[in-house]
Amino acid sequence: MKLLYKPFGIAFGILAGLLSKKIFEAVWGIFDKEEPPKPTTQRTTWPKVLGAAVVEGVTFKVTRAAVDRAGANGFARLTGF
């Protein structure tokens, strides 16, 4: 069954990545009105860069876990495995 689930897992991963980017932008907007800085941005502070990285990482991991869990549950209900 793992082989059968693999394409669904890949699709769920792509969906999670797209969704987490939108969520990250919304969450970052709560903290700062400017765009989140990239690590290579010269005109920003270390705390701002590191804060953006933390928020992005947490947002991605939580979104990925939620989408993967929901996808696995849906696949199990659909197939019985």
N, C-alpha and C. Protein backbone atom coordinates (compact mmCIF):
# COMPACT_ATOMS: atom_id res chain seq x y z
N MET A 1 0.81 -1.20 0.00
CA MET A 1 0.00 0.00 0.00
C MET A 1 0.85 1.27 0.00
N LYS A 2 2.08 1.17 0.53
CA LYS A 2 2.94 2.35 0.55
C LYS A 2 3.21 2.85 -0.86
N LEU A 3 3.38 1.94 -1.78
CA LEU A 3 3.66 2.32 -3.17
C LEU A 3 2.44 3.01 -3.79
N LEU A 4 1.26 2.54 -3.46
CA LEU A 4 0.04 3.14 -3.98
C LEU A 4 -0.19 4.54 -3.39
N TYR A 5 0.22 4.73 -2.14
CA TYR A 5 0.03 6.02 -1.48
C TYR A 5 1.06 7.06 -1.93
N LYS A 6 2.20 6.62 -2.44
CA LYS A 6 3.31 7.51 -2.77
C LYS A 6 2.90 8.71 -3.64
N PRO A 7 2.19 8.52 -4.76
CA PRO A 7 1.78 9.69 -5.57
C PRO A 7 0.89 10.67 -4.80
N PHE A 8 0.04 10.12 -3.93
CA PHE A 8 -0.81 10.99 -3.12
C PHE A 8 0.04 11.78 -2.12
N GLY A 9 1.02 11.13 -1.53
CA GLY A 9 1.91 11.79 -0.59
C GLY A 9 2.68 12.92 -1.24
N ILE A 10 3.13 12.70 -2.47
CA ILE A 10 3.85 13.75 -3.21
C ILE A 10 2.91 14.93 -3.49
N ALA A 11 1.70 14.64 -3.91
CA ALA A 11 0.73 15.70 -4.19
C ALA A 11 0.40 16.47 -2.91
N PHE A 12 0.24 15.74 -1.81
CA PHE A 12 -0.03 16.41 -0.53
C PHE A 12 1.14 17.29 -0.11
N GLY A 13 2.37 16.86 -0.39
CA GLY A 13 3.55 17.65 -0.06
C GLY A 13 3.59 18.95 -0.84
N ILE A 14 3.26 18.88 -2.11
CA ILE A 14 3.22 20.10 -2.95
C ILE A 14 2.13 21.04 -2.45
N LEU A 15 0.96 20.48 -2.15
CA LEU A 15 -0.14 21.27 -1.62
C LEU A 15 0.25 21.94 -0.31
N ALA A 16 0.92 21.20 0.57
CA ALA A 16 1.35 21.75 1.85
C ALA A 16 2.34 22.90 1.65
N GLY A 17 3.26 22.76 0.70
CA GLY A 17 4.21 23.82 0.42
C GLY A 17 3.55 25.09 -0.05
N LEU A 18 2.60 24.96 -0.95
CA LEU A 18 1.88 26.14 -1.46
C LEU A 18 1.04 26.79 -0.36
N LEU A 19 0.37 25.95 0.40
CA LEU A 19 -0.48 26.46 1.48
C LEU A 19 0.35 27.12 2.57
N SER A 20 1.48 26.53 2.90
CA SER A 20 2.30 27.10 3.98
C SER A 20 2.89 28.45 3.58
N LYS A 21 3.17 28.65 2.31
CA LYS A 21 3.68 29.95 1.86
C LYS A 21 2.63 31.04 2.09
N LYS A 22 1.39 30.73 1.75
CA LYS A 22 0.30 31.71 1.96
C LYS A 22 0.09 31.98 3.44
N ILE A 23 0.12 30.92 4.25
CA ILE A 23 -0.07 31.09 5.69
C ILE A 23 1.08 31.89 6.29
N PHE A 24 2.31 31.60 5.85
CA PHE A 24 3.48 32.32 6.36
C PHE A 24 3.35 33.81 6.07
N GLU A 25 2.95 34.17 4.87
CA GLU A 25 2.80 35.58 4.53
C GLU A 25 1.74 36.24 5.41
N ALA A 26 0.66 35.53 5.69
CA ALA A 26 -0.39 36.08 6.55
C ALA A 26 0.09 36.23 7.99
N VAL A 27 0.80 35.22 8.49
CA VAL A 27 1.31 35.28 9.86
C VAL A 27 2.37 36.37 9.99
N TRP A 28 3.26 36.49 9.01
CA TRP A 28 4.30 37.51 9.07
C TRP A 28 3.66 38.90 9.06
N GLY A 29 2.56 39.06 8.36
CA GLY A 29 1.85 40.34 8.31
C GLY A 29 1.35 40.79 9.67
N ILE A 30 1.16 39.87 10.59
CA ILE A 30 0.75 40.22 11.94
C ILE A 30 1.90 40.93 12.66
N PHE A 31 3.13 40.47 12.42
CA PHE A 31 4.30 41.00 13.12
C PHE A 31 4.89 42.24 12.46
N ASP A 32 4.83 42.29 11.13
CA ASP A 32 5.51 43.37 10.41
C ASP A 32 4.75 43.64 9.12
N LYS A 33 4.63 44.90 8.79
CA LYS A 33 3.90 45.28 7.57
C LYS A 33 4.75 45.12 6.32
N GLU A 34 6.06 45.05 6.47
CA GLU A 34 6.95 44.86 5.33
C GLU A 34 7.02 43.38 4.97
N GLU A 35 7.57 43.10 3.78
CA GLU A 35 7.78 41.71 3.38
C GLU A 35 8.80 41.07 4.29
N PRO A 36 8.71 39.76 4.51
CA PRO A 36 9.72 39.11 5.34
C PRO A 36 11.08 39.17 4.65
N PRO A 37 12.13 39.46 5.41
CA PRO A 37 13.45 39.58 4.80
C PRO A 37 14.04 38.21 4.45
N LYS A 38 14.78 38.18 3.39
CA LYS A 38 15.53 36.98 3.02
C LYS A 38 16.86 37.03 3.78
N PRO A 39 17.50 35.90 4.00
CA PRO A 39 18.77 35.90 4.74
C PRO A 39 19.86 36.75 4.09
N THR A 40 19.78 36.97 2.78
CA THR A 40 20.81 37.74 2.09
C THR A 40 20.49 39.24 2.02
N THR A 41 19.38 39.66 2.60
CA THR A 41 19.02 41.08 2.60
C THR A 41 20.01 41.85 3.45
N GLN A 42 20.63 42.87 2.86
CA GLN A 42 21.65 43.63 3.55
C GLN A 42 21.08 44.62 4.57
N ARG A 43 19.96 45.23 4.25
CA ARG A 43 19.43 46.31 5.08
C ARG A 43 18.36 45.81 6.04
N THR A 44 18.73 44.90 6.87
CA THR A 44 17.82 44.42 7.91
C THR A 44 18.65 43.93 9.09
N THR A 45 17.98 43.67 10.18
CA THR A 45 18.68 43.26 11.39
C THR A 45 18.69 41.73 11.52
N TRP A 46 19.64 41.23 12.31
CA TRP A 46 19.71 39.79 12.57
C TRP A 46 18.41 39.27 13.21
N PRO A 47 17.88 39.94 14.23
CA PRO A 47 16.66 39.41 14.84
C PRO A 47 15.49 39.30 13.85
N LYS A 48 15.41 40.25 12.93
CA LYS A 48 14.32 40.21 11.95
C LYS A 48 14.49 39.04 10.98
N VAL A 49 15.71 38.80 10.54
CA VAL A 49 15.98 37.68 9.64
C VAL A 49 15.73 36.35 10.34
N LEU A 50 16.25 36.24 11.56
CA LEU A 50 16.06 34.99 12.31
C LEU A 50 14.60 34.78 12.70
N GLY A 51 13.91 35.86 13.04
CA GLY A 51 12.48 35.75 13.35
C GLY A 51 11.68 35.27 12.15
N ALA A 52 12.00 35.81 10.98
CA ALA A 52 11.31 35.38 9.76
C ALA A 52 11.58 33.90 9.48
N ALA A 53 12.81 33.46 9.71
CA ALA A 53 13.16 32.06 9.49
C ALA A 53 12.41 31.14 10.46
N VAL A 54 12.30 31.56 11.69
CA VAL A 54 11.58 30.77 12.69
C VAL A 54 10.10 30.66 12.34
N VAL A 55 9.49 31.79 12.03
CA VAL A 55 8.07 31.78 11.68
C VAL A 55 7.82 30.94 10.43
N GLU A 56 8.70 31.07 9.44
CA GLU A 56 8.55 30.29 8.21
C GLU A 56 8.71 28.80 8.48
N GLY A 57 9.70 28.43 9.28
CA GLY A 57 9.94 27.03 9.59
C GLY A 57 8.79 26.39 10.34
N VAL A 58 8.31 27.08 11.37
CA VAL A 58 7.20 26.55 12.16
C VAL A 58 5.94 26.45 11.30
N THR A 59 5.68 27.48 10.53
CA THR A 59 4.50 27.47 9.66
C THR A 59 4.56 26.31 8.68
N PHE A 60 5.73 26.10 8.06
CA PHE A 60 5.85 25.02 7.09
C PHE A 60 5.66 23.66 7.76
N LYS A 61 6.32 23.41 8.88
CA LYS A 61 6.25 22.10 9.52
C LYS A 61 4.84 21.79 10.02
N VAL A 62 4.17 22.77 10.61
CA VAL A 62 2.82 22.54 11.12
C VAL A 62 1.85 22.31 9.97
N THR A 63 1.96 23.12 8.92
CA THR A 63 1.09 22.94 7.76
C THR A 63 1.34 21.59 7.11
N ARG A 64 2.59 21.22 6.95
CA ARG A 64 2.94 19.94 6.35
C ARG A 64 2.38 18.77 7.16
N ALA A 65 2.52 18.85 8.48
CA ALA A 65 2.00 17.79 9.35
C ALA A 65 0.48 17.69 9.24
N ALA A 66 -0.20 18.82 9.23
CA ALA A 66 -1.66 18.81 9.15
C ALA A 66 -2.13 18.26 7.81
N VAL A 67 -1.51 18.67 6.72
CA VAL A 67 -1.91 18.19 5.39
C VAL A 67 -1.59 16.71 5.24
N ASP A 68 -0.41 16.28 5.70
CA ASP A 68 -0.05 14.87 5.62
C ASP A 68 -1.01 14.00 6.43
N ARG A 69 -1.33 14.46 7.63
CA ARG A 69 -2.24 13.69 8.49
C ARG A 69 -3.62 13.60 7.87
N ALA A 70 -4.14 14.71 7.39
CA ALA A 70 -5.47 14.72 6.76
C ALA A 70 -5.46 13.86 5.50
N GLY A 71 -4.39 13.93 4.72
CA GLY A 71 -4.29 13.11 3.51
C GLY A 71 -4.23 11.62 3.82
N ALA A 72 -3.45 11.26 4.83
CA ALA A 72 -3.36 9.85 5.22
C ALA A 72 -4.69 9.33 5.74
N ASN A 73 -5.37 10.13 6.53
CA ASN A 73 -6.69 9.72 7.02
C ASN A 73 -7.70 9.58 5.88
N GLY A 74 -7.68 10.53 4.97
CA GLY A 74 -8.59 10.45 3.82
C GLY A 74 -8.28 9.25 2.94
N PHE A 75 -7.01 8.97 2.72
CA PHE A 75 -6.62 7.80 1.93
C PHE A 75 -7.06 6.52 2.63
N ALA A 76 -6.90 6.47 3.93
CA ALA A 76 -7.30 5.27 4.69
C ALA A 76 -8.81 5.07 4.62
N ARG A 77 -9.55 6.13 4.73
CA ARG A 77 -11.03 6.00 4.64
C ARG A 77 -11.46 5.57 3.25
N LEU A 78 -10.77 6.11 2.25
CA LEU A 78 -11.11 5.80 0.86
C LEU A 78 -10.78 4.37 0.49
N THR A 79 -9.62 3.90 0.93
CA THR A 79 -9.16 2.57 0.52
C THR A 79 -9.35 1.49 1.59
N GLY A 80 -9.52 1.90 2.84
CA GLY A 80 -9.63 0.92 3.91
C GLY A 80 -8.28 0.46 4.45
N PHE A 81 -7.18 1.08 3.96
CA PHE A 81 -5.84 0.73 4.45
C PHE A 81 -5.21 1.89 5.15
